[in-house]
Structures are given as C-alpha cells and as structure tokens.
C-alpha atoms as a PDB file:
ATOM      1  CA  MET A   1      -7.335 -21.670 -22.402  1.00  0.00           C
ATOM      2  CA  LYS A   2      -8.667 -22.619 -18.939  1.00  0.00           C
ATOM      3  CA  THR A   3      -5.017 -23.425 -17.714  1.00  0.00           C
ATOM      4  CA  LEU A   4      -4.007 -19.624 -18.846  1.00  0.00           C
ATOM      5  CA  PHE A   5      -6.974 -17.954 -16.936  1.00  0.00           C
ATOM      6  CA  ALA A   6      -6.067 -20.272 -13.665  1.00  0.00           C
ATOM      7  CA  PHE A   7      -2.684 -19.057 -13.996  1.00  0.00           C
ATOM      8  CA  ILE A   8      -3.322 -15.518 -14.339  1.00  0.00           C
ATOM      9  CA  VAL A   9      -5.664 -15.566 -11.198  1.00  0.00           C
ATOM     10  CA  CYS A  10      -2.922 -17.494  -9.302  1.00  0.00           C
ATOM     11  CA  LEU A  11      -0.576 -14.818 -10.240  1.00  0.00           C
ATOM     12  CA  ASN A  12      -2.813 -11.932  -9.247  1.00  0.00           C
ATOM     13  CA  ALA A  13      -3.332 -13.829  -5.751  1.00  0.00           C
ATOM     14  CA  TYR A  14       0.264 -14.287  -5.326  1.00  0.00           C
ATOM     15  CA  GLY A  15       0.652 -10.385  -5.527  1.00  0.00           C
ATOM     16  CA  ALA A  16      -2.150  -9.615  -3.405  1.00  0.00           C
ATOM     17  CA  THR A  17      -1.091  -9.116   0.365  1.00  0.00           C
ATOM     18  CA  THR A  18      -3.643  -8.093   3.283  1.00  0.00           C
ATOM     19  CA  PRO A  19      -2.697  -6.326   6.382  1.00  0.00           C
ATOM     20  CA  SER A  20      -2.920  -8.597   9.478  1.00  0.00           C
ATOM     21  CA  GLY A  21      -3.441  -6.290  12.617  1.00  0.00           C
ATOM     22  CA  CYS A  22      -1.365  -3.316  13.577  1.00  0.00           C
ATOM     23  CA  GLY A  23       2.270  -2.466  13.575  1.00  0.00           C
ATOM     24  CA  THR A  24       5.247  -1.168  11.248  1.00  0.00           C
ATOM     25  CA  PHE A  25       4.796  -2.198   7.626  1.00  0.00           C
ATOM     26  CA  ASP A  26       6.827  -1.854   4.479  1.00  0.00           C
ATOM     27  CA  VAL A  27       4.211  -0.665   2.021  1.00  0.00           C
ATOM     28  CA  TYR A  28       4.445  -0.726  -1.571  1.00  0.00           C
ATOM     29  CA  GLY A  29       2.141   1.455  -3.738  1.00  0.00           C
ATOM     30  CA  VAL A  30       1.438   5.021  -5.411  1.00  0.00           C
ATOM     31  CA  ILE A  31       0.658   8.357  -3.876  1.00  0.00           C
ATOM     32  CA  GLU A  32      -2.259   9.951  -5.854  1.00  0.00           C
ATOM     33  CA  LYS A  33      -4.593  12.955  -5.578  1.00  0.00           C
ATOM     34  CA  ASN A  34      -7.712  11.949  -3.558  1.00  0.00           C
ATOM     35  CA  GLN A  35     -10.723  11.862  -5.903  1.00  0.00           C
ATOM     36  CA  LYS A  36     -13.444  12.041  -2.900  1.00  0.00           C
ATOM     37  CA  ALA A  37     -11.605  14.600  -0.981  1.00  0.00           C
ATOM     38  CA  PRO A  38      -8.917  17.210  -0.909  1.00  0.00           C
ATOM     39  CA  GLY A  39      -5.617  15.794  -0.117  1.00  0.00           C
ATOM     40  CA  TYR A  40      -3.632  12.654  -1.044  1.00  0.00           C
ATOM     41  CA  VAL A  41      -4.020   8.721  -0.765  1.00  0.00           C
ATOM     42  CA  PHE A  42      -1.610   5.944  -0.784  1.00  0.00           C
ATOM     43  CA  LEU A  43      -2.710   3.246  -3.057  1.00  0.00           C
ATOM     44  CA  VAL A  44      -1.881  -0.285  -2.228  1.00  0.00           C
ATOM     45  CA  ASN A  45      -2.144  -3.232  -5.139  1.00  0.00           C
ATOM     46  CA  LYS A  46      -3.721  -0.072  -7.394  1.00  0.00           C
ATOM     47  CA  GLY A  47      -6.297  -1.615  -9.920  1.00  0.00           C
ATOM     48  CA  THR A  48      -6.871  -4.802  -8.377  1.00  0.00           C
ATOM     49  CA  LEU A  49      -9.857  -6.158  -6.128  1.00  0.00           C
ATOM     50  CA  SER A  50      -7.271  -6.190  -3.259  1.00  0.00           C
ATOM     51  CA  GLU A  51      -6.631  -2.497  -3.449  1.00  0.00           C
ATOM     52  CA  TYR A  52      -6.131  -0.745  -0.188  1.00  0.00           C
ATOM     53  CA  GLN A  53      -6.362   3.049   0.345  1.00  0.00           C
ATOM     54  CA  PHE A  54      -4.586   5.019   3.123  1.00  0.00           C
ATOM     55  CA  VAL A  55      -5.236   8.667   3.514  1.00  0.00           C
ATOM     56  CA  ILE A  56      -2.182  10.819   3.838  1.00  0.00           C
ATOM     57  CA  THR A  57      -2.739  13.406   6.557  1.00  0.00           C
ATOM     58  CA  ASP A  58      -2.152  17.010   6.341  1.00  0.00           C
ATOM     59  CA  GLU A  59       0.881  16.596   8.394  1.00  0.00           C
ATOM     60  CA  GLN A  60       2.388  13.779   6.332  1.00  0.00           C
ATOM     61  CA  GLU A  61       1.331  15.678   3.041  1.00  0.00           C
ATOM     62  CA  LEU A  62       4.573  17.951   2.691  1.00  0.00           C
ATOM     63  CA  LYS A  63       6.890  14.773   3.021  1.00  0.00           C
ATOM     64  CA  ALA A  64       4.778  13.052   0.579  1.00  0.00           C
ATOM     65  CA  ALA A  65       4.368  15.731  -1.941  1.00  0.00           C
ATOM     66  CA  PRO A  66       7.625  14.865  -3.808  1.00  0.00           C
ATOM     67  CA  TYR A  67       6.429  11.246  -4.363  1.00  0.00           C
ATOM     68  CA  ILE A  68       3.104  11.876  -5.926  1.00  0.00           C
ATOM     69  CA  ASP A  69       2.142   9.664  -8.828  1.00  0.00           C
ATOM     70  CA  ARG A  70       5.657   7.444  -8.622  1.00  0.00           C
ATOM     71  CA  SER A  71       5.905   3.955  -7.569  1.00  0.00           C
ATOM     72  CA  ILE A  72       7.319   4.049  -4.071  1.00  0.00           C
ATOM     73  CA  LYS A  73       7.955   1.918  -0.550  1.00  0.00           C
ATOM     74  CA  LEU A  74       7.305   3.603   2.490  1.00  0.00           C
ATOM     75  CA  ARG A  75       7.696   2.283   5.979  1.00  0.00           C
ATOM     76  CA  GLY A  76       4.606   3.334   7.974  1.00  0.00           C
ATOM     77  CA  LYS A  77       2.894   2.651  11.385  1.00  0.00           C
ATOM     78  CA  ILE A  78      -0.691   1.575  11.270  1.00  0.00           C
ATOM     79  CA  THR A  79      -2.280   1.605  14.887  1.00  0.00           C
ATOM     80  CA  LYS A  80      -5.871   1.138  14.100  1.00  0.00           C
ATOM     81  CA  LYS A  81      -7.489  -1.757  12.478  1.00  0.00           C
ATOM     82  CA  LEU A  82      -8.514  -1.357   8.815  1.00  0.00           C
ATOM     83  CA  ASN A  83     -11.909  -0.075   8.080  1.00  0.00           C
ATOM     84  CA  GLY A  84     -12.578  -2.572   4.936  1.00  0.00           C
ATOM     85  CA  GLN A  85      -9.855  -1.680   2.578  1.00  0.00           C
ATOM     86  CA  GLN A  86      -9.235   1.934   3.645  1.00  0.00           C
ATOM     87  CA  GLY A  87      -6.770   3.213   6.767  1.00  0.00           C
ATOM     88  CA  GLN A  88      -4.326   5.392   7.900  1.00  0.00           C
ATOM     89  CA  PHE A  89      -0.755   5.711   8.853  1.00  0.00           C
ATOM     90  CA  SER A  90      -0.318   7.185  12.361  1.00  0.00           C
ATOM     91  CA  SER A  91       3.294   7.912  11.282  1.00  0.00           C
ATOM     92  CA  ILE A  92       5.369   7.382   8.202  1.00  0.00           C
ATOM     93  CA  GLU A  93       9.237   6.991   8.941  1.00  0.00           C
ATOM     94  CA  SER A  94      10.422   6.815   5.506  1.00  0.00           C
ATOM     95  CA  TYR A  95       9.884   7.105   1.680  1.00  0.00           C
ATOM     96  CA  THR A  96      11.901   5.287  -0.996  1.00  0.00           C
ATOM     97  CA  ASP A  97      11.550   5.410  -4.933  1.00  0.00           C
ATOM     98  CA  VAL A  98      10.857   1.925  -6.376  1.00  0.00           C
ATOM     99  CA  VAL A  99      11.719   0.839  -9.989  1.00  0.00           C
ATOM    100  CA  PRO A 100       8.905  -1.576 -11.379  1.00  0.00           C
ATOM    101  CA  ASP A 101      10.290  -4.861 -12.041  1.00  0.00           C
ATOM    102  CA  PRO A 102       7.584  -7.375 -13.585  1.00  0.00           C
ATOM    103  CA  ALA A 103       9.457 -10.296 -12.613  1.00  0.00           C
ATOM    104  CA  ASN A 104       9.413  -9.575  -8.992  1.00  0.00           C
ATOM    105  CA  LEU A 105       5.596  -9.307  -8.518  1.00  0.00           C
ATOM    106  CA  LYS A 106       5.834 -10.144  -4.444  1.00  0.00           C
ATOM    107  CA  GLY A 107       8.190  -7.446  -4.162  1.00  0.00           C
ATOM    108  CA  LEU A 108       6.070  -4.432  -5.468  1.00  0.00           C
ATOM    109  CA  ASN A 109       2.764  -5.507  -3.917  1.00  0.00           C
ATOM    110  CA  GLY A 110       1.057  -5.120  -0.780  1.00  0.00           C
ATOM    111  CA  LEU A 111       2.402  -4.856   2.706  1.00  0.00           C
ATOM    112  CA  THR A 112       5.137  -6.509   4.836  1.00  0.00           C
ATOM    113  CA  LEU A 113       4.860  -6.702   8.442  1.00  0.00           C
ATOM    114  CA  ILE A 114       8.105  -5.244  10.203  1.00  0.00           C
ATOM    115  CA  LYS A 115       6.920  -5.240  13.695  1.00  0.00           C
ATOM    116  CA  LYS A 116       3.706  -6.188  15.229  1.00  0.00           C
ATOM    117  CA  GLU A 117       2.018  -4.025  17.875  1.00  0.00           C
ATOM    118  CA  LYS A 118      -1.335  -4.093  19.453  1.00  0.00           C
ATOM    119  CA  CYS A 119      -4.155  -2.058  18.144  1.00  0.00           C
ATOM    120  CA  ARG A 120      -5.667   0.873  19.710  1.00  0.00           C
END
C-alpha cells in the first residue's frame, strides 16, 4: 500500500510543472468562468496542489470564448512574475484544442518554456 501511495505522489509530481521566469510558453489547461470576478480564467494543472490561474483579459476574452470548458493548449507571453499561483498573459498567440490522453501526463499539464525573456 505504501508503494502505491509513493507511486501516485511521484506521478502527480511528474505532471506538475512550475513557470520559471518570463517569456513565451506553451501552456496546457482549461478556460473557465472566473468564480471570484466577472470574466474568465485559464487553469493549469486544474484540481491539483500545483494549480495555476491566469486571468483572461477583456481584449483576450473574445478569442478565448470558443474554447471555454475545453482542454486546450495556448501559446502565450508572460512578462510579469507570477504572484504566487496567479498570473496574466500579456499576449496570447494561439489556441489549440487538445484531446486528453491519460498515457501522456507530461504533455497535458503545465507550462513549457519556448523563449525566455526578462521580466518587467
């Protein structure tokens, strides 16, 4: 039983990715209605202890609307360091639908740095 618990903990840690600095990232997650304020948020690693929340700005909301409540990958630019587990994209280049694949946990969670840049 202890071995199973250790395996599950390691598997969750494997899928958890943390953003390091600023730049352009490929980010996997879900766009949902913001529970705390009007608008939408992009949730990364949803439902885990490593969940990150990015606010979708009013300018980005129109392009994000077709992807609400769907698993997607977006390519976005982060120019300010995250405030704990919350942040905001300064720009979003693209949205892509993603079909969840339980065999590929690393590919559907977290953030992948594409181009590193200095934070403001």
